[in-house]
C-alpha atoms as a PDB file:
ATOM      1  CA  MET A   1      48.388 -13.416   3.333  1.00  0.00           C
ATOM      2  CA  GLU A   2      44.469 -12.835   4.907  1.00  0.00           C
ATOM      3  CA  GLN A   3      41.414 -13.827   3.789  1.00  0.00           C
ATOM      4  CA  GLN A   4      39.394 -11.516   1.555  1.00  0.00           C
ATOM      5  CA  ASN A   5      35.462 -11.235   2.382  1.00  0.00           C
ATOM      6  CA  ARG A   6      33.583 -12.468   0.088  1.00  0.00           C
ATOM      7  CA  LEU A   7      29.604 -11.329  -0.258  1.00  0.00           C
ATOM      8  CA  SER A   8      28.032 -13.818  -1.312  1.00  0.00           C
ATOM      9  CA  VAL A   9      24.499 -13.583  -3.706  1.00  0.00           C
ATOM     10  CA  PRO A  10      21.504 -15.636  -2.952  1.00  0.00           C
ATOM     11  CA  ASN A  11      19.972 -17.152  -5.255  1.00  0.00           C
ATOM     12  CA  PRO A  12      16.838 -14.818  -6.734  1.00  0.00           C
ATOM     13  CA  LYS A  13      14.562 -18.028  -7.055  1.00  0.00           C
ATOM     14  CA  ILE A  14      15.139 -19.011  -3.349  1.00  0.00           C
ATOM     15  CA  VAL A  15      14.493 -15.217  -2.339  1.00  0.00           C
ATOM     16  CA  MET A  16      11.679 -15.359  -4.181  1.00  0.00           C
ATOM     17  CA  LYS A  17      10.167 -18.322  -2.794  1.00  0.00           C
ATOM     18  CA  LYS A  18      10.472 -16.848  -0.099  1.00  0.00           C
ATOM     19  CA  ILE A  19       8.894 -13.128  -0.716  1.00  0.00           C
ATOM     20  CA  GLU A  20       5.815 -15.623  -1.612  1.00  0.00           C
ATOM     21  CA  GLY A  21       6.311 -17.764   1.375  1.00  0.00           C
ATOM     22  CA  LEU A  22       6.071 -14.156   3.469  1.00  0.00           C
ATOM     23  CA  LEU A  23       4.024 -12.463   1.499  1.00  0.00           C
ATOM     24  CA  GLU A  24       0.854 -15.916   1.338  1.00  0.00           C
ATOM     25  CA  ARG A  25       1.763 -15.654   5.747  1.00  0.00           C
ATOM     26  CA  ILE A  26       0.402 -12.222   5.330  1.00  0.00           C
ATOM     27  CA  GLY A  27      -2.452 -12.892   3.726  1.00  0.00           C
ATOM     28  CA  LEU A  28      -1.479 -10.257   0.842  1.00  0.00           C
ATOM     29  CA  ARG A  29      -0.609 -13.142  -1.880  1.00  0.00           C
ATOM     30  CA  ASP A  30      -3.878 -13.178  -4.997  1.00  0.00           C
ATOM     31  CA  ASN A  31      -5.443 -10.762  -6.208  1.00  0.00           C
ATOM     32  CA  THR A  32      -4.094  -7.409  -3.529  1.00  0.00           C
ATOM     33  CA  THR A  33      -4.474  -4.150  -4.173  1.00  0.00           C
ATOM     34  CA  GLY A  34      -2.472  -1.679  -1.997  1.00  0.00           C
ATOM     35  CA  VAL A  35      -2.859   2.527  -1.448  1.00  0.00           C
ATOM     36  CA  ALA A  36      -1.054   4.637  -0.078  1.00  0.00           C
ATOM     37  CA  PHE A  37      -1.720   8.433   0.714  1.00  0.00           C
ATOM     38  CA  SER A  38       1.183  10.332   1.361  1.00  0.00           C
ATOM     39  CA  GLY A  39       1.272  13.907   3.363  1.00  0.00           C
ATOM     40  CA  GLY A  40       1.695  17.340   2.503  1.00  0.00           C
ATOM     41  CA  GLY A  41      -1.500  20.277   3.604  1.00  0.00           C
ATOM     42  CA  ALA A  42      -3.922  20.264  -0.273  1.00  0.00           C
ATOM     43  CA  ARG A  43      -2.283  16.625  -0.944  1.00  0.00           C
ATOM     44  CA  GLY A  44      -4.692  15.632   1.720  1.00  0.00           C
ATOM     45  CA  PHE A  45      -8.156  17.021  -0.281  1.00  0.00           C
ATOM     46  CA  SER A  46      -6.361  15.750  -3.405  1.00  0.00           C
ATOM     47  CA  HIS A  47      -6.486  11.703  -1.688  1.00  0.00           C
ATOM     48  CA  VAL A  48      -9.956  11.741  -2.023  1.00  0.00           C
ATOM     49  CA  GLY A  49     -10.872  12.638  -5.383  1.00  0.00           C
ATOM     50  CA  VAL A  50      -8.124   9.812  -5.713  1.00  0.00           C
ATOM     51  CA  MET A  51     -10.892   7.640  -3.490  1.00  0.00           C
ATOM     52  CA  LYS A  52     -13.672   9.157  -6.146  1.00  0.00           C
ATOM     53  CA  ALA A  53     -12.078   7.213  -9.376  1.00  0.00           C
ATOM     54  CA  PHE A  54     -10.881   4.423  -7.108  1.00  0.00           C
ATOM     55  CA  LYS A  55     -14.601   3.414  -7.107  1.00  0.00           C
ATOM     56  CA  LYS A  56     -15.424   4.843 -10.480  1.00  0.00           C
ATOM     57  CA  PHE A  57     -13.305   2.725 -11.541  1.00  0.00           C
ATOM     58  CA  GLY A  58     -13.741  -0.038  -9.242  1.00  0.00           C
ATOM     59  CA  ILE A  59     -11.418  -0.429  -7.672  1.00  0.00           C
ATOM     60  CA  GLU A  60     -11.684  -1.169  -3.818  1.00  0.00           C
ATOM     61  CA  PRO A  61      -8.154  -1.633  -2.189  1.00  0.00           C
ATOM     62  CA  ASN A  62      -7.247  -4.606   0.196  1.00  0.00           C
ATOM     63  CA  VAL A  63      -4.658  -2.777   2.358  1.00  0.00           C
ATOM     64  CA  ILE A  64      -5.187   1.517   3.499  1.00  0.00           C
ATOM     65  CA  SER A  65      -2.274   2.805   4.603  1.00  0.00           C
ATOM     66  CA  GLY A  66      -0.896   7.312   5.241  1.00  0.00           C
ATOM     67  CA  VAL A  67       0.594   9.613   6.442  1.00  0.00           C
ATOM     68  CA  SER A  68      -0.112  12.688   8.584  1.00  0.00           C
ATOM     69  CA  ASP A  69      -3.296  14.179   6.002  1.00  0.00           C
ATOM     70  CA  GLY A  70      -2.957  11.493   4.080  1.00  0.00           C
ATOM     71  CA  SER A  71      -3.880   9.042   7.399  1.00  0.00           C
ATOM     72  CA  ILE A  72      -6.223  12.072   7.866  1.00  0.00           C
ATOM     73  CA  ALA A  73      -7.822  11.346   4.839  1.00  0.00           C
ATOM     74  CA  GLU A  74      -7.314   7.043   4.209  1.00  0.00           C
ATOM     75  CA  VAL A  75      -8.954   6.573   7.629  1.00  0.00           C
ATOM     76  CA  PRO A  76     -12.612   7.734   7.101  1.00  0.00           C
ATOM     77  CA  TYR A  77     -12.349   5.657   3.684  1.00  0.00           C
ATOM     78  CA  ALA A  78     -11.116   2.859   4.980  1.00  0.00           C
ATOM     79  CA  ALA A  79     -14.340   2.459   7.963  1.00  0.00           C
ATOM     80  CA  GLY A  80     -16.749   2.662   4.413  1.00  0.00           C
ATOM     81  CA  LEU A  81     -17.328   5.809   4.075  1.00  0.00           C
ATOM     82  CA  THR A  82     -17.314   6.772   0.345  1.00  0.00           C
ATOM     83  CA  PRO A  83     -15.452   9.784  -1.175  1.00  0.00           C
ATOM     84  CA  LYS A  84     -18.964  11.608  -1.423  1.00  0.00           C
ATOM     85  CA  VAL A  85     -20.061  11.528   2.015  1.00  0.00           C
ATOM     86  CA  MET A  86     -16.251  12.589   3.383  1.00  0.00           C
ATOM     87  CA  ILE A  87     -16.681  15.255   1.267  1.00  0.00           C
ATOM     88  CA  GLU A  88     -19.779  17.015   2.333  1.00  0.00           C
END
């Protein structure tokens, strides 16, 4: 009889320790806030409004990414421009 291949299910505690170790090594461990801006024409303009809300509520993302129009909006923000300056 042929032996069946069985999938081994990893121990969740071990998996979490590995993930935590990885996050610590790349500097994303405690109190990290990230934001990803999506693409799509009109959304690029709406991202500036989201950035204004971040500033209003004291949210300062440590990690910023974007795709398409989202990347066009996030580059000046990541460089330190305020949403007000970006609108002007």
